[in-house]
């Protein structure tokens, strides 16, 4: 999935690449806690929500999401899903 988001092949995901990906994928938007329709226009609160989501992934705050930052985020999501599943059983 990282390689798809890294459209220019630079080895990191820029803000522009992430916005384009969110607009194209409601599933990705939902993973980040964003609504694809809200992100469509990128105004007001949707900009704030996007910036917060991007900051969660960009843990070193360099303005891009590295492969390791992205994979760390996915692992956290999977851990949270596993924990939620075991609690609901």
Protein backbone atom coordinates (compact mmCIF):
# COMPACT_ATOMS: atom_id res chain seq x y z
CA UNK A 1 0.00 0.00 0.00
CA UNK A 2 2.86 2.40 0.77
CA UNK A 3 4.14 2.21 -2.81
CA UNK A 4 0.70 3.14 -4.15
CA UNK A 5 0.53 6.19 -1.89
CA UNK A 6 4.09 7.20 -2.76
CA UNK A 7 3.03 8.19 -6.27
CA UNK A 8 6.32 9.83 -7.24
CA UNK A 9 8.46 6.96 -5.93
CA UNK A 10 10.48 9.24 -3.65
CA UNK A 11 10.42 6.83 -0.73
CA UNK A 12 8.10 9.02 1.32
CA UNK A 13 4.50 10.22 1.18
CA UNK A 14 4.02 13.97 0.86
CA UNK A 15 0.98 15.90 2.00
CA UNK A 16 -0.14 16.28 -1.63
CA UNK A 17 0.18 12.53 -2.25
CA UNK A 18 -1.82 11.83 0.92
CA UNK A 19 -4.60 14.27 -0.02
CA UNK A 20 -4.89 12.71 -3.48
CA UNK A 21 -4.98 9.22 -1.96
CA UNK A 22 -7.66 10.16 0.57
CA UNK A 23 -9.80 11.74 -2.10
CA UNK A 24 -9.49 8.59 -4.22
CA UNK A 25 -10.00 6.07 -1.41
CA UNK A 26 -12.80 6.28 1.14
CA UNK A 27 -11.24 3.25 2.84
CA UNK A 28 -7.97 5.10 3.44
CA UNK A 29 -9.88 8.17 4.62
CA UNK A 30 -11.77 6.01 7.10
CA UNK A 31 -8.54 4.38 8.35
CA UNK A 32 -7.28 7.86 9.19
CA UNK A 33 -10.57 8.83 10.81
CA UNK A 34 -11.43 11.20 7.96
CA UNK A 35 -14.41 11.46 5.69
CA UNK A 36 -13.53 11.41 2.01
CA UNK A 37 -16.35 13.82 1.27
CA UNK A 38 -15.10 16.24 3.92
CA UNK A 39 -11.57 16.09 2.53
CA UNK A 40 -12.80 16.69 -1.01
CA UNK A 41 -12.82 20.46 -0.62
CA UNK A 42 -10.06 20.74 2.00
CA UNK A 43 -11.44 23.80 3.73
CA UNK A 44 -12.00 24.75 7.35
CA UNK A 45 -12.25 21.86 9.77
CA UNK A 46 -11.31 19.29 7.15
CA UNK A 47 -7.88 20.93 6.82
CA UNK A 48 -7.41 20.75 10.58
CA UNK A 49 -8.54 17.09 10.66
CA UNK A 50 -6.18 16.24 7.80
CA UNK A 51 -3.25 18.01 9.47
CA UNK A 52 -3.89 16.12 12.71
CA UNK A 53 -4.10 12.78 10.89
CA UNK A 54 -0.95 13.52 8.90
CA UNK A 55 0.91 14.49 12.08
CA UNK A 56 -0.04 11.14 13.66
CA UNK A 57 1.75 9.36 10.83
CA UNK A 58 4.65 11.82 10.44
CA UNK A 59 6.16 11.01 13.82
CA UNK A 60 9.50 12.73 13.14
CA UNK A 61 7.69 15.88 11.91
CA UNK A 62 9.81 16.23 8.77
CA UNK A 63 6.77 16.94 6.59
CA UNK A 64 6.64 13.54 4.91
CA UNK A 65 5.64 10.02 5.92
CA UNK A 66 8.45 7.50 5.58
CA UNK A 67 7.91 3.83 4.87
CA UNK A 68 8.72 2.95 8.49
CA UNK A 69 6.34 5.62 9.86
CA UNK A 70 3.58 4.29 7.63
CA UNK A 71 4.20 0.67 8.63
CA UNK A 72 4.32 1.64 12.32
CA UNK A 73 0.90 3.28 11.91
CA UNK A 74 -0.54 0.19 10.19
CA UNK A 75 0.82 -2.03 12.98
CA UNK A 76 -0.88 0.21 15.57
CA UNK A 77 -4.17 -0.05 13.68
CA UNK A 78 -3.86 -3.82 13.55
CA UNK A 79 -3.03 -3.98 17.26
CA UNK A 80 -6.04 -1.81 18.08
CA UNK A 81 -8.27 -3.99 15.89
CA UNK A 82 -6.99 -7.14 17.58
CA UNK A 83 -7.52 -5.64 21.02
CA UNK A 84 -11.05 -4.54 20.09
CA UNK A 85 -11.86 -7.99 18.74
CA UNK A 86 -10.70 -9.76 21.88
CA UNK A 87 -12.66 -7.37 24.11
CA UNK A 88 -15.88 -7.88 22.17
CA UNK A 89 -15.71 -11.67 22.45
